[in-house]
């Protein structure tokens, strides 16, 4: 463990907090197990390593963790565990999971723990019984761990050692290093609360409900290339370090920006978490679609767009139009044709994002948007490439990989509004004109044709199961046409349904979708 003395007898931990936390969880689980076996004195003996009296004879925990407060203290470290409610974020859930694993392993090794009821304070407990002895053996193993204890002279040395450990192969993330640097530069001025740590932890909490903690590193990179300079994850910390230098003000400015942009980034990760107005629904739809396509190149620019919009420097109309263009471009470029980017797309998005961030007048903002239009048009795949790749899409019991893209494509062909038929796209399901249960020996089709997008459409359950049921495709088409099913007439082909018909319909669908995309992008 690498530590520095804050004030006697307290230490700040530079390296080793995870190990110390794990030991604390194990000792707390052993303590609880002794209580279960009715060995309260043995439980209190172990608990002294978790909580002890200070010089003022006030009990305090040996490990004082800030980021998981008060969950760790109330629910794990406390002698009897408090049944009080508290916010449970990602870190707390991981602590709970780890503690549960430790307890279950103890129960597997000592089955009596799951069968014995606590005998609170029984004077006649058998200290030599096998279960108690096995538990004491585990306790003694933990307490006999060897410790290499390195104490540094001051906090500045601690931060330097922290970076050095990482440079020599320690598996520390970019966010670990940036946090370390920020806390080093922003000196704490309050005795009761560390504002810098609170600000950082507040930013991290934004990610609790929308993503795993690894998203924090991705956020830092996308934030940086959106506002400052295009770089890679490996070079990001060096860029941040150069930006901050020895300036506390630069660190504070960066911390403030990170808190603002982290909320916007969480909106990109989980658009449904934000309260959108009725007029903003199409913005939400575009962001959800980009997540369906599993693309990240555009994130720097979408982050800058949201920031400009929230500052009321970008109109809702321009935000909607721009996000729709980005959405349809990546539908064609990534979702359908699976183009590989050499990095030029991400770097260009970064360049445009930085220009947008720096723009302060409508004319400058419009210039960036015009430049984006030109860039997207220049990178759009051509029609023939789109048609070939589109015809490979399919969905069925044995082919589910493309489900989300198939659904998106079928929804694209439905008008947003239809006067004859009210359609709630969210409650429609992907159905097959020629059923998946078709006897293939009796027709000229294979599984591939049945699963092909040319054989698919979106339908509500009632229409599909009652009105269409097991009717042949030709009859299904006629029923849908009479019901004014909201799809282009050319996509409801009435002829005999076979593999050629399926292929033809898929090609017509591809051309129709590509034409609409090209009209917008």
Protein backbone atom coordinates (compact mmCIF):
# COMPACT_ATOMS: atom_id res chain seq x y z
CA UNK A 1 0.00 0.00 0.00
CA UNK A 2 1.15 3.53 -0.83
CA UNK A 3 -0.11 6.19 1.58
CA UNK A 4 0.59 9.69 2.82
CA UNK A 5 -0.14 11.03 6.30
CA UNK A 6 -2.97 13.57 6.45
CA UNK A 7 -2.79 14.05 10.20
CA UNK A 8 -1.87 11.55 12.88
CA UNK A 9 -3.03 8.79 12.99
CA UNK A 10 -4.87 9.11 9.64
CA UNK A 11 -3.57 8.18 6.18
CA UNK A 12 -4.72 9.02 2.68
CA UNK A 13 -4.50 6.04 0.29
CA UNK A 14 -2.69 6.50 -3.02
CA UNK A 15 -2.61 2.86 -4.06
CA UNK A 16 -4.38 -0.05 -2.37
CA UNK A 17 -7.90 1.16 -1.71
CA UNK A 18 -9.49 -1.76 -3.58
CA UNK A 19 -7.46 -4.26 -1.56
CA UNK A 20 -8.32 -2.53 1.71
CA UNK A 21 -12.00 -2.41 0.72
CA UNK A 22 -11.98 -6.13 -0.13
CA UNK A 23 -10.39 -6.98 3.23
CA UNK A 24 -13.02 -4.83 4.98
CA UNK A 25 -15.82 -6.68 3.16
CA UNK A 26 -14.34 -10.07 4.13
CA UNK A 27 -13.91 -9.09 7.80
CA UNK A 28 -17.47 -7.70 7.91
CA UNK A 29 -18.81 -10.95 6.43
CA UNK A 30 -16.80 -13.02 8.97
CA UNK A 31 -18.16 -10.82 11.78
CA UNK A 32 -21.73 -11.37 10.59
CA UNK A 33 -21.07 -15.12 10.35
CA UNK A 34 -19.89 -15.22 13.98
CA UNK A 35 -23.10 -13.41 14.97
CA UNK A 36 -25.13 -16.02 13.05
CA UNK A 37 -23.35 -18.79 14.97
CA UNK A 38 -24.12 -17.03 18.26
CA UNK A 39 -20.46 -16.06 18.85
CA UNK A 40 -20.95 -12.41 19.71
CA UNK A 41 -17.60 -12.03 21.51
CA UNK A 42 -15.72 -13.40 18.49
CA UNK A 43 -17.81 -11.08 16.27
CA UNK A 44 -16.84 -8.06 18.38
CA UNK A 45 -13.19 -9.12 18.21
CA UNK A 46 -13.25 -9.07 14.40
CA UNK A 47 -15.24 -5.85 14.36
CA UNK A 48 -12.35 -4.02 16.04
CA UNK A 49 -10.53 -4.26 12.70
CA UNK A 50 -13.50 -2.59 10.97
CA UNK A 51 -14.44 0.05 13.56
CA UNK A 52 -12.51 1.27 16.58
CA UNK A 53 -12.46 4.13 19.07
CA UNK A 54 -10.29 7.15 18.32
CA UNK A 55 -8.38 9.25 20.86
CA UNK A 56 -11.65 10.96 21.87
CA UNK A 57 -13.13 7.50 22.47
CA UNK A 58 -15.54 7.97 19.56
CA UNK A 59 -16.08 5.00 17.26
CA UNK A 60 -15.06 5.49 13.66
CA UNK A 61 -14.46 3.14 10.73
CA UNK A 62 -10.90 2.13 9.85
CA UNK A 63 -11.72 2.57 6.15
CA UNK A 64 -13.42 5.89 5.47
CA UNK A 65 -14.61 5.79 1.86
CA UNK A 66 -16.06 8.98 0.38
CA UNK A 67 -17.47 7.74 -2.91
CA UNK A 68 -19.70 4.99 -1.49
CA UNK A 69 -20.94 6.98 1.52
CA UNK A 70 -23.22 6.13 3.33
CA UNK A 71 -23.93 2.70 1.84
CA UNK A 72 -20.66 0.99 2.82
CA UNK A 73 -20.80 2.39 6.34
CA UNK A 74 -24.48 1.75 7.09
CA UNK A 75 -25.07 -1.58 5.35
CA UNK A 76 -21.73 -3.39 5.55
CA UNK A 77 -19.33 -1.91 8.10
CA UNK A 78 -21.87 -1.31 10.90
CA UNK A 79 -21.96 -4.05 13.54
CA UNK A 80 -25.62 -4.95 13.04
CA UNK A 81 -26.15 -3.35 9.63
CA UNK A 82 -28.60 -0.47 9.49
CA UNK A 83 -31.91 -0.85 7.66
CA UNK A 84 -31.89 2.70 6.38
CA UNK A 85 -32.51 3.67 2.78
CA UNK A 86 -29.87 5.50 0.77
CA UNK A 87 -29.14 6.19 -2.88
CA UNK A 88 -27.60 3.11 -4.46
CA UNK A 89 -25.47 3.87 -7.50
CA UNK A 90 -23.19 1.73 -9.64
CA UNK A 91 -20.38 1.66 -7.06
CA UNK A 92 -22.75 0.70 -4.24
CA UNK A 93 -24.29 -2.08 -6.33
CA UNK A 94 -20.84 -3.52 -6.99
CA UNK A 95 -20.04 -3.42 -3.27
CA UNK A 96 -23.33 -5.17 -2.54
CA UNK A 97 -22.59 -7.80 -5.20
CA UNK A 98 -19.07 -8.41 -3.88
CA UNK A 99 -20.30 -8.68 -0.29
CA UNK A 100 -23.01 -11.16 -1.34
CA UNK A 101 -20.41 -13.31 -3.15
CA UNK A 102 -18.22 -13.38 -0.03
CA UNK A 103 -21.16 -14.35 2.19
CA UNK A 104 -22.29 -17.12 -0.18
CA UNK A 105 -18.74 -18.52 -0.33
CA UNK A 106 -18.65 -18.60 3.46
CA UNK A 107 -21.96 -20.48 3.48
CA UNK A 108 -20.66 -23.02 0.96
CA UNK A 109 -17.56 -23.61 3.08
CA UNK A 110 -19.52 -23.57 6.36
CA UNK A 111 -23.04 -24.93 5.61
CA UNK A 112 -24.09 -24.34 9.22
CA UNK A 113 -24.26 -20.60 8.50
CA UNK A 114 -27.37 -21.06 6.38
CA UNK A 115 -29.04 -23.38 8.89
CA UNK A 116 -28.19 -21.84 12.27
CA UNK A 117 -30.26 -19.07 13.84
CA UNK A 118 -28.46 -16.43 15.89
CA UNK A 119 -28.29 -17.17 19.60
CA UNK A 120 -27.63 -13.56 20.56
CA UNK A 121 -25.22 -13.68 23.50
CA UNK A 122 -25.64 -17.37 24.43
CA UNK A 123 -23.11 -18.07 27.20
CA UNK A 124 -22.97 -21.79 26.40
CA UNK A 125 -21.88 -21.66 22.76
CA UNK A 126 -19.33 -24.28 21.78
CA UNK A 127 -16.20 -22.40 20.71
CA UNK A 128 -14.58 -25.62 19.60
CA UNK A 129 -17.33 -26.77 17.23
CA UNK A 130 -16.25 -27.33 13.63
CA UNK A 131 -18.15 -24.38 12.11
CA UNK A 132 -16.67 -21.87 14.58
CA UNK A 133 -13.18 -23.29 14.16
CA UNK A 134 -13.37 -23.12 10.37
CA UNK A 135 -14.50 -19.51 10.58
CA UNK A 136 -11.68 -18.65 13.01
CA UNK A 137 -9.20 -20.22 10.57
CA UNK A 138 -10.44 -17.95 7.77
CA UNK A 139 -10.23 -14.94 10.08
CA UNK A 140 -6.64 -15.79 11.01
CA UNK A 141 -5.68 -16.22 7.34
CA UNK A 142 -6.97 -12.74 6.52
CA UNK A 143 -5.24 -11.16 9.51
CA UNK A 144 -1.94 -12.84 8.62
CA UNK A 145 -1.72 -11.17 5.18
CA UNK A 146 1.68 -9.61 4.52
CA UNK A 147 1.66 -5.86 3.94
CA UNK A 148 4.19 -3.71 2.11
CA UNK A 149 3.48 -0.25 3.53
CA UNK A 150 5.04 2.72 1.73
CA UNK A 151 4.49 6.06 3.43
CA UNK A 152 5.14 9.29 1.50
CA UNK A 153 5.96 12.67 3.01
CA UNK A 154 3.11 14.69 1.54
CA UNK A 155 0.11 14.70 -0.78
CA UNK A 156 2.02 16.15 -3.74
CA UNK A 157 4.44 13.22 -3.62
CA UNK A 158 1.42 10.93 -3.49
CA UNK A 159 0.01 12.26 -6.76
CA UNK A 160 3.43 11.97 -8.41
CA UNK A 161 3.80 8.35 -7.28
CA UNK A 162 0.27 7.65 -8.50
CA UNK A 163 1.19 8.75 -12.04
CA UNK A 164 4.51 6.89 -11.87
CA UNK A 165 2.78 3.65 -10.91
CA UNK A 166 0.56 4.00 -13.96
CA UNK A 167 3.50 4.73 -16.26
CA UNK A 168 5.13 1.47 -15.13
CA UNK A 169 2.24 -0.72 -16.16
CA UNK A 170 -0.42 -0.20 -13.52
CA UNK A 171 -3.88 -0.76 -14.99
CA UNK A 172 -5.23 2.70 -14.24
CA UNK A 173 -7.81 4.32 -16.51
CA UNK A 174 -7.67 7.75 -18.08
CA UNK A 175 -10.39 8.90 -15.70
CA UNK A 176 -8.27 7.74 -12.71
CA UNK A 177 -5.37 9.86 -13.93
CA UNK A 178 -7.50 12.91 -14.77
CA UNK A 179 -9.23 12.76 -11.40
CA UNK A 180 -5.86 12.49 -9.66
CA UNK A 181 -4.53 15.49 -11.59
CA UNK A 182 -7.62 17.63 -10.94
CA UNK A 183 -7.61 16.98 -7.20
CA UNK A 184 -3.90 17.74 -7.10
CA UNK A 185 -4.37 21.13 -8.76
CA UNK A 186 -7.57 22.21 -6.97
CA UNK A 187 -6.48 22.65 -3.38
CA UNK A 188 -9.15 22.09 -0.76
CA UNK A 189 -10.09 25.21 1.20
CA UNK A 190 -12.76 23.68 3.42
CA UNK A 191 -12.16 21.63 6.55
CA UNK A 192 -15.53 19.89 6.44
CA UNK A 193 -15.85 19.06 2.74
CA UNK A 194 -13.54 18.60 -0.23
CA UNK A 195 -15.28 20.57 -2.97
CA UNK A 196 -13.14 19.16 -5.79
CA UNK A 197 -13.85 15.56 -4.78
CA UNK A 198 -17.55 16.32 -4.31
CA UNK A 199 -17.69 17.91 -7.77
CA UNK A 200 -15.94 14.93 -9.39
CA UNK A 201 -18.13 12.40 -7.56
CA UNK A 202 -21.22 14.38 -8.55
CA UNK A 203 -20.17 14.11 -12.20
CA UNK A 204 -19.60 10.35 -11.85
CA UNK A 205 -23.09 9.92 -10.36
CA UNK A 206 -24.60 11.22 -13.61
CA UNK A 207 -23.56 7.90 -15.16
CA UNK A 208 -25.05 5.67 -12.45
CA UNK A 209 -28.46 5.19 -14.07
CA UNK A 210 -27.45 5.14 -17.72
CA UNK A 211 -24.19 3.27 -18.16
CA UNK A 212 -21.38 1.32 -16.59
CA UNK A 213 -18.43 3.24 -15.14
CA UNK A 214 -16.27 2.52 -18.21
CA UNK A 215 -18.40 5.10 -20.03
CA UNK A 216 -16.60 7.77 -18.02
CA UNK A 217 -13.39 7.27 -20.03
CA UNK A 218 -15.34 7.44 -23.30
CA UNK A 219 -17.03 10.63 -22.10
CA UNK A 220 -13.71 12.31 -21.27
CA UNK A 221 -12.39 11.55 -24.76
CA UNK A 222 -15.56 12.67 -26.59
CA UNK A 223 -15.77 15.82 -24.46
CA UNK A 224 -12.16 16.71 -25.24
CA UNK A 225 -12.39 16.16 -29.00
CA UNK A 226 -15.67 18.08 -29.01
CA UNK A 227 -14.28 21.18 -27.32
CA UNK A 228 -10.48 21.29 -27.59
CA UNK A 229 -8.56 19.02 -29.97
CA UNK A 230 -8.84 15.68 -31.76
CA UNK A 231 -6.74 13.05 -30.00
CA UNK A 232 -6.74 9.39 -29.02
CA UNK A 233 -7.48 7.77 -25.68
CA UNK A 234 -3.77 6.99 -25.15
CA UNK A 235 -2.79 10.64 -25.62
CA UNK A 236 -5.75 12.19 -23.80
CA UNK A 237 -4.18 12.43 -20.34
CA UNK A 238 -1.09 14.18 -21.74
CA UNK A 239 -3.38 16.70 -23.48
CA UNK A 240 -5.35 17.35 -20.28
CA UNK A 241 -2.16 17.68 -18.24
CA UNK A 242 -0.72 20.20 -20.70
CA UNK A 243 -3.98 22.19 -20.67
CA UNK A 244 -4.14 22.43 -16.88
CA UNK A 245 -0.43 22.93 -16.25
CA UNK A 246 -0.01 24.25 -12.72
CA UNK A 247 -3.15 26.38 -12.87
CA UNK A 248 -5.86 25.80 -10.29
CA UNK A 249 -8.16 28.08 -12.32
CA UNK A 250 -7.77 25.91 -15.45
CA UNK A 251 -8.56 22.81 -13.39
CA UNK A 252 -11.66 24.48 -11.93
CA UNK A 253 -12.80 25.59 -15.39
CA UNK A 254 -12.36 22.06 -16.71
CA UNK A 255 -14.20 20.55 -13.73
CA UNK A 256 -17.13 22.92 -14.31
CA UNK A 257 -17.31 22.01 -18.01
CA UNK A 258 -17.13 18.28 -17.23
CA UNK A 259 -20.14 18.56 -14.95
CA UNK A 260 -22.17 20.35 -17.63
CA UNK A 261 -21.16 18.11 -20.52
CA UNK A 262 -21.51 14.87 -18.53
CA UNK A 263 -25.27 15.45 -18.24
CA UNK A 264 -25.48 15.98 -22.00
CA UNK A 265 -23.38 12.88 -22.64
CA UNK A 266 -25.76 10.81 -20.51
CA UNK A 267 -28.57 12.12 -22.70
CA UNK A 268 -26.73 10.70 -25.73
CA UNK A 269 -26.26 7.35 -23.97
CA UNK A 270 -29.85 7.11 -22.79
CA UNK A 271 -32.13 9.64 -24.56
CA UNK A 272 -35.23 8.40 -22.72
CA UNK A 273 -33.81 9.64 -19.41
CA UNK A 274 -34.36 13.26 -20.43
CA UNK A 275 -37.75 15.00 -20.35
CA UNK A 276 -38.41 16.04 -23.95
CA UNK A 277 -41.15 18.39 -25.05
CA UNK A 278 -43.59 17.37 -27.78
CA UNK A 279 -41.63 19.51 -30.24
CA UNK A 280 -38.37 17.76 -29.31
CA UNK A 281 -39.56 14.19 -29.91
CA UNK A 282 -37.74 13.92 -33.26
CA UNK A 283 -34.48 14.89 -31.53
CA UNK A 284 -34.98 12.02 -29.11
CA UNK A 285 -35.78 9.67 -32.01
CA UNK A 286 -32.55 10.53 -33.84
CA UNK A 287 -30.44 9.98 -30.72
CA UNK A 288 -32.11 6.62 -30.05
CA UNK A 289 -31.52 5.60 -33.67
CA UNK A 290 -27.81 6.40 -33.47
CA UNK A 291 -27.61 4.09 -30.44
CA UNK A 292 -29.36 1.37 -32.46
CA UNK A 293 -26.69 1.73 -35.16
CA UNK A 294 -23.97 1.39 -32.47
CA UNK A 295 -21.87 4.22 -33.88
CA UNK A 296 -19.69 6.64 -31.93
CA UNK A 297 -17.84 8.69 -34.59
CA UNK A 298 -20.50 11.40 -34.48
CA UNK A 299 -20.54 11.77 -30.68
CA UNK A 300 -18.23 14.80 -30.54
CA UNK A 301 -20.55 16.75 -32.83
CA UNK A 302 -23.85 15.58 -31.29
CA UNK A 303 -22.47 16.59 -27.90
CA UNK A 304 -21.58 20.06 -29.22
CA UNK A 305 -25.01 20.38 -30.87
CA UNK A 306 -26.86 19.60 -27.64
CA UNK A 307 -24.66 22.00 -25.71
CA UNK A 308 -25.31 24.80 -28.20
CA UNK A 309 -29.05 24.03 -28.14
CA UNK A 310 -29.26 24.05 -24.33
CA UNK A 311 -27.47 27.42 -24.32
CA UNK A 312 -30.19 28.63 -26.75
CA UNK A 313 -27.61 29.42 -29.44
CA UNK A 314 -28.98 26.76 -31.81
CA UNK A 315 -32.63 26.62 -32.84
CA UNK A 316 -34.71 23.49 -32.37
CA UNK A 317 -35.36 23.43 -36.12
CA UNK A 318 -31.63 23.36 -36.90
CA UNK A 319 -30.99 20.76 -34.19
CA UNK A 320 -33.71 18.48 -35.57
CA UNK A 321 -32.59 18.82 -39.18
CA UNK A 322 -28.91 18.31 -38.38
CA UNK A 323 -29.47 15.25 -36.19
CA UNK A 324 -31.75 13.73 -38.84
CA UNK A 325 -29.02 14.13 -41.46
CA UNK A 326 -26.44 12.53 -39.15
CA UNK A 327 -28.89 9.73 -38.32
CA UNK A 328 -29.68 8.89 -41.95
CA UNK A 329 -26.04 9.15 -42.99
CA UNK A 330 -24.99 6.57 -40.39
CA UNK A 331 -27.97 4.38 -41.25
CA UNK A 332 -26.65 4.16 -44.82
CA UNK A 333 -22.94 4.26 -43.99
CA UNK A 334 -22.77 2.00 -40.92
CA UNK A 335 -26.03 0.15 -40.34
CA UNK A 336 -26.55 -0.99 -43.95
CA UNK A 337 -23.28 -0.86 -45.88
CA UNK A 338 -20.97 -1.40 -42.86
CA UNK A 339 -18.36 1.04 -44.16
CA UNK A 340 -15.06 1.21 -42.32
CA UNK A 341 -13.78 4.61 -41.30
CA UNK A 342 -10.06 5.31 -41.44
CA UNK A 343 -10.53 7.88 -38.70
CA UNK A 344 -11.27 10.67 -41.13
CA UNK A 345 -14.95 10.73 -40.18
CA UNK A 346 -14.33 10.96 -36.41
CA UNK A 347 -11.61 13.60 -36.87
CA UNK A 348 -13.84 15.67 -39.17
CA UNK A 349 -16.70 15.47 -36.68
CA UNK A 350 -14.25 16.67 -34.01
CA UNK A 351 -13.10 19.56 -36.19
CA UNK A 352 -16.68 20.65 -36.85
CA UNK A 353 -17.63 20.21 -33.17
CA UNK A 354 -14.78 22.50 -32.08
CA UNK A 355 -15.78 25.11 -34.69
CA UNK A 356 -19.39 24.89 -33.49
CA UNK A 357 -18.33 25.24 -29.85
CA UNK A 358 -16.31 28.34 -30.69
CA UNK A 359 -19.07 29.87 -32.86
CA UNK A 360 -20.90 32.74 -31.19
CA UNK A 361 -23.03 34.15 -34.03
CA UNK A 362 -25.78 32.64 -36.18
CA UNK A 363 -23.72 33.11 -39.34
CA UNK A 364 -20.81 31.14 -37.87
CA UNK A 365 -23.10 28.36 -36.67
CA UNK A 366 -24.80 28.12 -40.07
CA UNK A 367 -21.41 27.95 -41.76
CA UNK A 368 -20.51 24.89 -39.66
CA UNK A 369 -23.83 23.23 -40.48
CA UNK A 370 -23.32 23.89 -44.21
CA UNK A 371 -19.85 22.39 -43.99
CA UNK A 372 -21.33 19.32 -42.31
CA UNK A 373 -23.85 18.92 -45.16
CA UNK A 374 -21.06 18.94 -47.73
CA UNK A 375 -19.00 16.46 -45.72
CA UNK A 376 -21.87 13.97 -45.22
CA UNK A 377 -22.90 14.08 -48.89
CA UNK A 378 -19.32 13.38 -49.96
CA UNK A 379 -19.17 10.23 -47.81
CA UNK A 380 -22.59 8.74 -48.62
CA UNK A 381 -22.41 5.23 -50.18
CA UNK A 382 -23.88 4.93 -53.68
CA UNK A 383 -27.23 3.35 -54.49
CA UNK A 384 -25.91 0.06 -55.89
CA UNK A 385 -23.81 -0.62 -52.80
CA UNK A 386 -26.79 0.21 -50.60
CA UNK A 387 -29.08 -2.12 -52.59
CA UNK A 388 -26.70 -5.08 -52.36
CA UNK A 389 -26.20 -4.77 -48.60
CA UNK A 390 -29.86 -4.00 -47.89
CA UNK A 391 -30.94 -7.20 -49.67
CA UNK A 392 -28.89 -9.21 -47.15
CA UNK A 393 -30.96 -8.00 -44.18
CA UNK A 394 -33.21 -10.54 -42.54
CA UNK A 395 -34.94 -11.56 -39.34
CA UNK A 396 -36.42 -14.76 -37.96
CA UNK A 397 -36.18 -17.43 -35.31
CA UNK A 398 -32.73 -18.45 -36.56
CA UNK A 399 -31.55 -14.98 -37.57
CA UNK A 400 -31.97 -12.23 -34.99
CA UNK A 401 -28.71 -10.26 -35.33
CA UNK A 402 -30.24 -7.67 -37.68
CA UNK A 403 -33.53 -7.30 -35.78
CA UNK A 404 -33.14 -3.65 -34.72
CA UNK A 405 -31.92 -2.52 -38.15
CA UNK A 406 -34.72 -4.47 -39.87
CA UNK A 407 -37.30 -2.86 -37.61
CA UNK A 408 -35.83 0.59 -38.20
CA UNK A 409 -35.92 0.01 -41.99
CA UNK A 410 -39.53 -1.17 -41.95
CA UNK A 411 -40.58 1.79 -39.79
CA UNK A 412 -38.82 4.09 -42.25
CA UNK A 413 -41.25 2.98 -44.95
CA UNK A 414 -44.30 3.84 -42.84
CA UNK A 415 -45.51 7.45 -43.04
CA UNK A 416 -45.33 9.41 -39.81
CA UNK A 417 -49.00 10.33 -40.16
CA UNK A 418 -51.78 8.47 -41.95
CA UNK A 419 -55.34 9.71 -42.10
CA UNK A 420 -56.90 6.33 -42.83
CA UNK A 421 -55.22 4.15 -40.24
CA UNK A 422 -53.89 5.00 -36.83
CA UNK A 423 -50.55 3.27 -36.38
CA UNK A 424 -48.56 3.14 -33.14
CA UNK A 425 -45.18 1.97 -34.39
CA UNK A 426 -43.99 1.13 -30.88
CA UNK A 427 -46.54 -1.66 -30.59
CA UNK A 428 -46.01 -3.18 -34.02
CA UNK A 429 -44.05 -6.39 -34.44
CA UNK A 430 -42.02 -7.81 -37.33
CA UNK A 431 -44.14 -10.31 -39.25
CA UNK A 432 -43.50 -12.60 -42.24
CA UNK A 433 -45.73 -12.64 -45.33
CA UNK A 434 -44.68 -16.22 -45.94
CA UNK A 435 -44.78 -17.78 -42.48
CA UNK A 436 -41.72 -19.22 -40.75
CA UNK A 437 -43.71 -22.43 -40.31
CA UNK A 438 -44.09 -22.85 -44.11
CA UNK A 439 -43.35 -26.35 -45.40
CA UNK A 440 -40.27 -25.60 -47.50
CA UNK A 441 -40.62 -28.82 -49.48
CA UNK A 442 -43.88 -27.54 -50.97
CA UNK A 443 -42.59 -24.20 -52.27
CA UNK A 444 -39.63 -22.69 -54.05
CA UNK A 445 -38.16 -20.82 -51.06
CA UNK A 446 -35.57 -21.42 -48.36
CA UNK A 447 -35.13 -20.13 -44.81
CA UNK A 448 -33.01 -17.31 -46.19
CA UNK A 449 -35.89 -16.06 -48.36
CA UNK A 450 -38.42 -16.39 -45.55
CA UNK A 451 -36.19 -14.38 -43.22
CA UNK A 452 -35.27 -11.83 -45.91
CA UNK A 453 -36.46 -8.26 -45.39
CA UNK A 454 -38.43 -8.51 -48.64
CA UNK A 455 -40.75 -10.97 -46.86
CA UNK A 456 -41.22 -8.78 -43.78
CA UNK A 457 -43.46 -5.96 -42.60
CA UNK A 458 -44.61 -4.38 -39.35
CA UNK A 459 -48.07 -5.32 -38.10
CA UNK A 460 -50.15 -5.08 -34.96
CA UNK A 461 -50.97 -8.39 -33.32
CA UNK A 462 -54.73 -8.29 -34.04
CA UNK A 463 -54.33 -7.73 -37.78
CA UNK A 464 -51.64 -10.38 -38.02
CA UNK A 465 -53.21 -13.17 -35.96
CA UNK A 466 -56.91 -12.66 -36.79
CA UNK A 467 -57.35 -10.93 -40.15
CA UNK A 468 -54.30 -12.30 -41.99
CA UNK A 469 -53.77 -15.50 -39.98
CA UNK A 470 -52.56 -18.31 -42.26
CA UNK A 471 -53.78 -16.83 -45.52
CA UNK A 472 -51.46 -16.98 -48.56
CA UNK A 473 -49.34 -13.87 -49.22
CA UNK A 474 -51.45 -12.76 -52.19
CA UNK A 475 -54.58 -12.59 -50.00
CA UNK A 476 -52.66 -10.85 -47.24
CA UNK A 477 -51.57 -8.11 -49.64
CA UNK A 478 -55.15 -7.54 -50.79
CA UNK A 479 -56.45 -7.33 -47.21
CA UNK A 480 -53.76 -4.81 -46.28
CA UNK A 481 -54.48 -2.74 -49.38
CA UNK A 482 -58.20 -2.60 -48.56
CA UNK A 483 -57.34 -1.61 -44.98
CA UNK A 484 -55.25 1.26 -46.38
CA UNK A 485 -52.13 -0.14 -44.77
CA UNK A 486 -49.76 2.85 -44.64
CA UNK A 487 -47.10 1.65 -47.03
CA UNK A 488 -46.19 2.62 -50.57
CA UNK A 489 -48.37 0.84 -53.15
CA UNK A 490 -45.26 -0.48 -54.88
CA UNK A 491 -44.35 -2.43 -51.75
CA UNK A 492 -47.58 -4.43 -51.67
CA UNK A 493 -47.02 -6.79 -54.59
CA UNK A 494 -50.10 -8.91 -55.46
CA UNK A 495 -48.50 -11.56 -57.67
CA UNK A 496 -47.63 -15.13 -56.72
CA UNK A 497 -45.22 -15.03 -53.82
CA UNK A 498 -41.87 -16.75 -54.38
CA UNK A 499 -38.16 -16.10 -53.94
CA UNK A 500 -38.09 -13.79 -56.97
CA UNK A 501 -40.98 -11.76 -55.56
CA UNK A 502 -39.22 -11.47 -52.21
CA UNK A 503 -36.00 -10.37 -53.89
CA UNK A 504 -37.86 -7.84 -56.04
CA UNK A 505 -39.69 -6.36 -53.06
CA UNK A 506 -36.45 -6.07 -51.07
CA UNK A 507 -34.86 -4.18 -53.95
CA UNK A 508 -37.83 -1.82 -54.29
CA UNK A 509 -37.66 -1.18 -50.53
CA UNK A 510 -33.94 -0.42 -50.77
CA UNK A 511 -34.44 2.07 -53.60
CA UNK A 512 -37.34 3.75 -51.81
CA UNK A 513 -35.41 4.16 -48.56
CA UNK A 514 -32.22 5.31 -50.28
CA UNK A 515 -34.14 7.92 -52.27
CA UNK A 516 -35.63 9.34 -49.07
CA UNK A 517 -32.25 9.37 -47.33
CA UNK A 518 -30.58 11.10 -50.26
CA UNK A 519 -33.31 13.72 -50.30
CA UNK A 520 -32.46 14.69 -46.72
CA UNK A 521 -28.69 14.12 -46.55
